[in-house]
N, C-alpha and C. Protein backbone atom coordinates (compact mmCIF):
# COMPACT_ATOMS: atom_id res chain seq x y z
N MET A 1 72.50 80.52 149.06
CA MET A 1 71.77 80.31 147.82
C MET A 1 71.04 81.61 147.48
N THR A 2 70.99 81.91 146.19
CA THR A 2 70.33 83.11 145.71
C THR A 2 69.30 82.72 144.65
N GLY A 3 68.06 83.13 144.86
CA GLY A 3 67.03 82.90 143.85
C GLY A 3 67.27 83.77 142.63
N ILE A 4 66.93 83.25 141.48
CA ILE A 4 67.16 83.98 140.23
C ILE A 4 65.85 84.15 139.49
N ASP A 5 65.54 85.39 139.12
CA ASP A 5 64.32 85.69 138.38
C ASP A 5 64.52 85.38 136.89
N THR A 6 63.41 85.20 136.22
CA THR A 6 63.41 84.88 134.79
C THR A 6 64.20 85.89 133.98
N ASN A 7 64.00 87.19 134.25
CA ASN A 7 64.64 88.21 133.41
C ASN A 7 66.17 88.14 133.48
N VAL A 8 66.72 87.76 134.61
CA VAL A 8 68.18 87.63 134.71
C VAL A 8 68.65 86.47 133.83
N LEU A 9 67.96 85.35 133.90
CA LEU A 9 68.35 84.19 133.09
C LEU A 9 68.14 84.45 131.59
N ILE A 10 67.08 85.14 131.25
CA ILE A 10 66.85 85.47 129.84
C ILE A 10 67.98 86.36 129.32
N ARG A 11 68.37 87.37 130.09
CA ARG A 11 69.47 88.25 129.65
C ARG A 11 70.78 87.46 129.53
N PHE A 12 70.98 86.49 130.42
CA PHE A 12 72.17 85.65 130.35
C PHE A 12 72.14 84.76 129.10
N ILE A 13 70.99 84.15 128.84
CA ILE A 13 70.86 83.27 127.68
C ILE A 13 70.92 84.05 126.37
N ALA A 14 70.14 85.14 126.28
CA ALA A 14 70.01 85.87 125.02
C ALA A 14 71.20 86.78 124.71
N GLN A 15 71.87 87.28 125.75
CA GLN A 15 72.98 88.21 125.56
C GLN A 15 72.60 89.33 124.59
N ASP A 16 71.45 89.96 124.84
CA ASP A 16 70.92 90.94 123.90
C ASP A 16 70.76 92.35 124.47
N ASP A 17 71.24 92.58 125.67
CA ASP A 17 71.11 93.90 126.28
C ASP A 17 72.50 94.37 126.71
N PRO A 18 72.91 95.56 126.26
CA PRO A 18 74.28 96.01 126.53
C PRO A 18 74.59 96.25 128.00
N VAL A 19 73.59 96.45 128.82
CA VAL A 19 73.81 96.69 130.25
C VAL A 19 73.46 95.44 131.07
N GLN A 20 72.25 94.91 130.85
CA GLN A 20 71.78 93.81 131.67
C GLN A 20 72.46 92.48 131.37
N SER A 21 72.78 92.21 130.12
CA SER A 21 73.42 90.93 129.79
C SER A 21 74.79 90.77 130.46
N PRO A 22 75.66 91.78 130.41
CA PRO A 22 76.93 91.63 131.14
C PRO A 22 76.74 91.48 132.65
N ALA A 23 75.77 92.19 133.20
CA ALA A 23 75.49 92.06 134.64
C ALA A 23 75.02 90.65 134.96
N ALA A 24 74.15 90.10 134.12
CA ALA A 24 73.67 88.73 134.33
C ALA A 24 74.80 87.73 134.20
N THR A 25 75.69 87.95 133.24
CA THR A 25 76.83 87.06 133.06
C THR A 25 77.77 87.12 134.25
N ARG A 26 78.04 88.32 134.75
CA ARG A 26 78.89 88.45 135.95
C ARG A 26 78.26 87.72 137.13
N PHE A 27 76.95 87.90 137.30
CA PHE A 27 76.26 87.23 138.40
C PHE A 27 76.35 85.71 138.26
N MET A 28 76.02 85.20 137.08
CA MET A 28 76.04 83.76 136.86
C MET A 28 77.46 83.21 137.06
N SER A 29 78.47 83.96 136.66
CA SER A 29 79.86 83.53 136.83
C SER A 29 80.28 83.52 138.30
N SER A 30 79.57 84.27 139.13
CA SER A 30 79.92 84.34 140.55
C SER A 30 79.36 83.16 141.35
N LEU A 31 78.46 82.39 140.76
CA LEU A 31 77.84 81.28 141.48
C LEU A 31 78.83 80.13 141.64
N ASN A 32 78.70 79.42 142.75
CA ASN A 32 79.57 78.27 143.00
C ASN A 32 78.86 77.30 143.93
N ALA A 33 79.52 76.24 144.29
CA ALA A 33 78.91 75.20 145.14
C ALA A 33 78.50 75.74 146.50
N GLU A 34 79.26 76.68 147.03
CA GLU A 34 78.94 77.26 148.33
C GLU A 34 77.83 78.31 148.25
N GLN A 35 77.73 78.96 147.13
CA GLN A 35 76.71 80.00 146.91
C GLN A 35 76.06 79.76 145.54
N PRO A 36 75.19 78.72 145.46
CA PRO A 36 74.55 78.41 144.17
C PRO A 36 73.36 79.33 143.90
N GLY A 37 72.91 79.28 142.67
CA GLY A 37 71.69 79.97 142.29
C GLY A 37 70.52 78.99 142.35
N PHE A 38 69.34 79.53 142.58
CA PHE A 38 68.13 78.70 142.65
C PHE A 38 67.16 79.12 141.56
N ILE A 39 66.69 78.15 140.80
CA ILE A 39 65.70 78.39 139.75
C ILE A 39 64.43 77.64 140.11
N SER A 40 63.34 78.37 140.25
CA SER A 40 62.05 77.74 140.56
C SER A 40 61.42 77.16 139.30
N SER A 41 60.47 76.28 139.51
CA SER A 41 59.72 75.70 138.39
C SER A 41 58.99 76.77 137.59
N VAL A 42 58.50 77.79 138.29
CA VAL A 42 57.81 78.89 137.61
C VAL A 42 58.77 79.60 136.66
N VAL A 43 59.99 79.83 137.11
CA VAL A 43 60.99 80.48 136.27
C VAL A 43 61.31 79.63 135.03
N LEU A 44 61.46 78.32 135.21
CA LEU A 44 61.70 77.45 134.05
C LEU A 44 60.58 77.55 133.03
N ALA A 45 59.34 77.54 133.53
CA ALA A 45 58.19 77.64 132.63
C ALA A 45 58.20 78.99 131.91
N GLU A 46 58.49 80.06 132.65
CA GLU A 46 58.54 81.39 132.03
C GLU A 46 59.65 81.48 130.99
N ILE A 47 60.80 80.90 131.28
CA ILE A 47 61.91 80.92 130.33
C ILE A 47 61.49 80.30 129.01
N SER A 48 60.85 79.13 129.09
CA SER A 48 60.45 78.46 127.85
C SER A 48 59.47 79.32 127.06
N TRP A 49 58.57 79.97 127.77
CA TRP A 49 57.56 80.79 127.11
C TRP A 49 58.20 82.02 126.46
N VAL A 50 59.08 82.70 127.18
CA VAL A 50 59.74 83.90 126.65
C VAL A 50 60.62 83.55 125.46
N LEU A 51 61.36 82.46 125.57
CA LEU A 51 62.23 82.08 124.45
C LEU A 51 61.41 81.75 123.20
N LEU A 52 60.24 81.18 123.38
CA LEU A 52 59.38 80.86 122.25
C LEU A 52 58.68 82.11 121.71
N ARG A 53 58.00 82.83 122.57
CA ARG A 53 57.15 83.94 122.14
C ARG A 53 57.92 85.21 121.79
N ARG A 54 58.88 85.57 122.61
CA ARG A 54 59.61 86.83 122.41
C ARG A 54 60.79 86.67 121.46
N TYR A 55 61.54 85.59 121.67
CA TYR A 55 62.77 85.41 120.90
C TYR A 55 62.60 84.48 119.70
N ARG A 56 61.46 83.81 119.63
CA ARG A 56 61.13 82.94 118.49
C ARG A 56 62.19 81.84 118.27
N LEU A 57 62.72 81.30 119.38
CA LEU A 57 63.69 80.22 119.25
C LEU A 57 62.99 78.94 118.83
N SER A 58 63.74 78.06 118.21
CA SER A 58 63.20 76.77 117.80
C SER A 58 63.05 75.86 119.02
N ARG A 59 62.31 74.79 118.86
CA ARG A 59 62.15 73.81 119.93
C ARG A 59 63.53 73.28 120.37
N THR A 60 64.39 73.03 119.41
CA THR A 60 65.72 72.51 119.71
C THR A 60 66.51 73.52 120.54
N GLU A 61 66.45 74.78 120.18
CA GLU A 61 67.18 75.82 120.93
C GLU A 61 66.62 75.99 122.34
N ILE A 62 65.30 75.94 122.47
CA ILE A 62 64.67 76.05 123.79
C ILE A 62 65.07 74.85 124.65
N ALA A 63 64.99 73.67 124.07
CA ALA A 63 65.37 72.46 124.81
C ALA A 63 66.83 72.53 125.26
N GLN A 64 67.70 73.00 124.40
CA GLN A 64 69.12 73.10 124.75
C GLN A 64 69.33 74.11 125.88
N SER A 65 68.63 75.23 125.83
CA SER A 65 68.76 76.25 126.89
C SER A 65 68.31 75.69 128.23
N ILE A 66 67.19 74.98 128.24
CA ILE A 66 66.69 74.39 129.49
C ILE A 66 67.63 73.30 129.97
N HIS A 67 68.08 72.46 129.06
CA HIS A 67 69.03 71.40 129.40
C HIS A 67 70.28 72.00 130.03
N ASP A 68 70.82 73.05 129.44
CA ASP A 68 72.03 73.67 129.96
C ASP A 68 71.83 74.17 131.39
N LEU A 69 70.66 74.77 131.67
CA LEU A 69 70.38 75.22 133.03
C LEU A 69 70.29 74.04 133.99
N LEU A 70 69.61 72.98 133.56
CA LEU A 70 69.45 71.81 134.42
C LEU A 70 70.79 71.14 134.73
N GLU A 71 71.74 71.25 133.83
CA GLU A 71 73.03 70.57 134.00
C GLU A 71 74.11 71.45 134.60
N THR A 72 73.81 72.70 134.89
CA THR A 72 74.80 73.60 135.48
C THR A 72 74.96 73.28 136.96
N ALA A 73 76.15 72.90 137.35
CA ALA A 73 76.41 72.46 138.72
C ALA A 73 76.17 73.56 139.75
N GLU A 74 76.31 74.81 139.35
CA GLU A 74 76.15 75.92 140.28
C GLU A 74 74.70 76.37 140.44
N LEU A 75 73.78 75.62 139.85
CA LEU A 75 72.35 75.94 139.94
C LEU A 75 71.59 74.81 140.61
N ILE A 76 70.67 75.18 141.46
CA ILE A 76 69.73 74.24 142.05
C ILE A 76 68.38 74.53 141.41
N VAL A 77 67.79 73.51 140.81
CA VAL A 77 66.51 73.68 140.13
C VAL A 77 65.42 72.98 140.93
N GLU A 78 64.39 73.74 141.26
CA GLU A 78 63.25 73.16 141.99
C GLU A 78 62.66 72.03 141.16
N ASN A 79 62.36 70.92 141.82
CA ASN A 79 61.77 69.77 141.15
C ASN A 79 62.57 69.38 139.90
N SER A 80 63.88 69.27 140.08
CA SER A 80 64.74 69.00 138.92
C SER A 80 64.39 67.68 138.23
N GLY A 81 63.98 66.68 138.99
CA GLY A 81 63.57 65.42 138.37
C GLY A 81 62.37 65.62 137.46
N CYS A 82 61.42 66.40 137.92
CA CYS A 82 60.24 66.72 137.11
C CYS A 82 60.66 67.51 135.87
N ALA A 83 61.58 68.44 136.05
CA ALA A 83 62.03 69.25 134.92
C ALA A 83 62.73 68.39 133.88
N HIS A 84 63.55 67.43 134.31
CA HIS A 84 64.20 66.52 133.36
C HIS A 84 63.17 65.68 132.61
N ARG A 85 62.18 65.16 133.33
CA ARG A 85 61.13 64.36 132.67
C ARG A 85 60.31 65.24 131.72
N ALA A 86 60.02 66.46 132.12
CA ALA A 86 59.27 67.38 131.26
C ALA A 86 60.07 67.69 130.00
N LEU A 87 61.37 67.85 130.15
CA LEU A 87 62.22 68.11 128.99
C LEU A 87 62.20 66.91 128.04
N ALA A 88 62.18 65.71 128.57
CA ALA A 88 62.10 64.51 127.72
C ALA A 88 60.77 64.49 126.97
N VAL A 89 59.68 64.83 127.64
CA VAL A 89 58.37 64.89 126.99
C VAL A 89 58.39 65.95 125.90
N TYR A 90 58.94 67.11 126.21
CA TYR A 90 59.04 68.22 125.25
C TYR A 90 59.86 67.79 124.03
N ASN A 91 60.97 67.14 124.27
CA ASN A 91 61.83 66.69 123.17
C ASN A 91 61.15 65.62 122.31
N ALA A 92 60.32 64.80 122.92
CA ALA A 92 59.63 63.73 122.19
C ALA A 92 58.42 64.25 121.42
N GLY A 93 57.90 65.38 121.85
CA GLY A 93 56.69 65.92 121.22
C GLY A 93 57.01 66.78 120.02
N THR A 94 55.95 67.18 119.35
CA THR A 94 56.12 68.05 118.19
C THR A 94 55.51 69.43 118.42
N SER A 95 54.56 69.51 119.33
CA SER A 95 53.86 70.78 119.56
C SER A 95 53.69 71.13 121.02
N VAL A 96 53.83 70.18 121.92
CA VAL A 96 53.60 70.44 123.33
C VAL A 96 54.62 71.47 123.83
N GLU A 97 54.16 72.38 124.67
CA GLU A 97 55.05 73.37 125.24
C GLU A 97 55.72 72.80 126.49
N PHE A 98 56.94 73.22 126.74
CA PHE A 98 57.67 72.75 127.91
C PHE A 98 56.88 73.02 129.19
N ALA A 99 56.28 74.19 129.29
CA ALA A 99 55.54 74.54 130.51
C ALA A 99 54.41 73.55 130.77
N ASP A 100 53.71 73.12 129.73
CA ASP A 100 52.64 72.14 129.91
C ASP A 100 53.19 70.80 130.37
N ALA A 101 54.29 70.39 129.79
CA ALA A 101 54.92 69.13 130.22
C ALA A 101 55.36 69.23 131.68
N LEU A 102 55.88 70.39 132.07
CA LEU A 102 56.32 70.59 133.45
C LEU A 102 55.13 70.56 134.42
N ILE A 103 54.04 71.19 134.03
CA ILE A 103 52.82 71.17 134.86
C ILE A 103 52.38 69.73 135.11
N ALA A 104 52.34 68.92 134.06
CA ALA A 104 51.90 67.53 134.19
C ALA A 104 52.87 66.73 135.06
N GLU A 105 54.16 66.93 134.88
CA GLU A 105 55.15 66.18 135.66
C GLU A 105 55.12 66.56 137.14
N ILE A 106 54.97 67.84 137.43
CA ILE A 106 54.91 68.26 138.84
C ILE A 106 53.64 67.75 139.50
N ALA A 107 52.53 67.78 138.79
CA ALA A 107 51.28 67.26 139.35
C ALA A 107 51.41 65.77 139.65
N SER A 108 52.01 65.03 138.73
CA SER A 108 52.21 63.60 138.95
C SER A 108 53.11 63.36 140.17
N TRP A 109 54.21 64.10 140.24
CA TRP A 109 55.13 64.00 141.37
C TRP A 109 54.42 64.29 142.70
N ALA A 110 53.47 65.23 142.67
CA ALA A 110 52.74 65.61 143.89
C ALA A 110 51.67 64.59 144.26
N GLY A 111 51.44 63.61 143.38
CA GLY A 111 50.48 62.56 143.69
C GLY A 111 49.17 62.65 142.94
N ALA A 112 49.07 63.58 142.01
CA ALA A 112 47.84 63.69 141.21
C ALA A 112 47.70 62.46 140.32
N ASN A 113 46.50 61.94 140.25
CA ASN A 113 46.22 60.81 139.37
C ASN A 113 46.20 61.24 137.91
N GLU A 114 45.82 62.50 137.70
CA GLU A 114 45.77 63.04 136.34
C GLU A 114 45.79 64.56 136.44
N THR A 115 46.08 65.19 135.31
CA THR A 115 46.02 66.64 135.19
C THR A 115 45.05 66.93 134.07
N VAL A 116 44.03 67.71 134.35
CA VAL A 116 43.02 68.02 133.34
C VAL A 116 43.38 69.33 132.63
N THR A 117 42.97 69.40 131.38
CA THR A 117 43.26 70.57 130.56
C THR A 117 42.22 70.70 129.45
N PHE A 118 42.13 71.90 128.91
CA PHE A 118 41.35 72.11 127.70
C PHE A 118 42.26 72.12 126.46
N ASP A 119 43.56 72.02 126.67
CA ASP A 119 44.56 72.08 125.62
C ASP A 119 44.72 70.69 124.99
N LYS A 120 44.29 70.54 123.75
CA LYS A 120 44.33 69.25 123.07
C LYS A 120 45.76 68.74 122.88
N VAL A 121 46.69 69.64 122.61
CA VAL A 121 48.08 69.22 122.44
C VAL A 121 48.66 68.72 123.76
N ALA A 122 48.39 69.44 124.85
CA ALA A 122 48.89 69.01 126.16
C ALA A 122 48.29 67.65 126.55
N ALA A 123 47.04 67.47 126.19
CA ALA A 123 46.40 66.18 126.48
C ALA A 123 47.05 65.06 125.66
N ALA A 124 47.32 65.32 124.41
CA ALA A 124 47.87 64.29 123.53
C ALA A 124 49.35 64.03 123.78
N GLN A 125 50.12 65.07 124.09
CA GLN A 125 51.57 64.90 124.15
C GLN A 125 52.18 65.01 125.54
N ALA A 126 51.46 65.58 126.51
CA ALA A 126 52.01 65.70 127.88
C ALA A 126 51.33 64.78 128.85
N GLY A 127 50.42 63.95 128.35
CA GLY A 127 49.77 62.98 129.21
C GLY A 127 48.66 63.54 130.09
N MET A 128 48.17 64.72 129.75
CA MET A 128 47.06 65.29 130.50
C MET A 128 45.76 64.68 129.99
N LYS A 129 44.70 64.90 130.77
CA LYS A 129 43.38 64.43 130.37
C LYS A 129 42.58 65.62 129.86
N LEU A 130 42.03 65.45 128.64
CA LEU A 130 41.22 66.50 128.03
C LEU A 130 39.91 66.61 128.78
N LEU A 131 39.62 67.79 129.31
CA LEU A 131 38.38 68.03 130.01
C LEU A 131 37.33 68.46 129.00
N LYS A 132 36.20 67.72 129.01
CA LYS A 132 35.12 68.00 128.04
C LYS A 132 33.90 68.50 128.73
């Protein structure tokens, strides 16, 4: 198994760099069941943030990119169940960020009774508790 950093996945998704994108594509194409890639929860959160802030992708495009990673057989995603649930929350929401939904889902999975936040959108759409 090989861990994959955010920048490799971004270059693979965006295909916007003449040197790094082909290298990322070759690497991703080399993955298989015997030698899968590993994506951490941190990387998933970073991907959503970069796609939104840097590439200005729509919610639908971000959701599709994350979904595609989650469904790739040659990838192992940390806390994949949490990531799937976070993606469902993200898809159901109008403003909540994927990273916030993922934070709430991982905390719940770890046994947290609640996740506190100062973010009103995360509280309203990701099931967090607004800290006052």
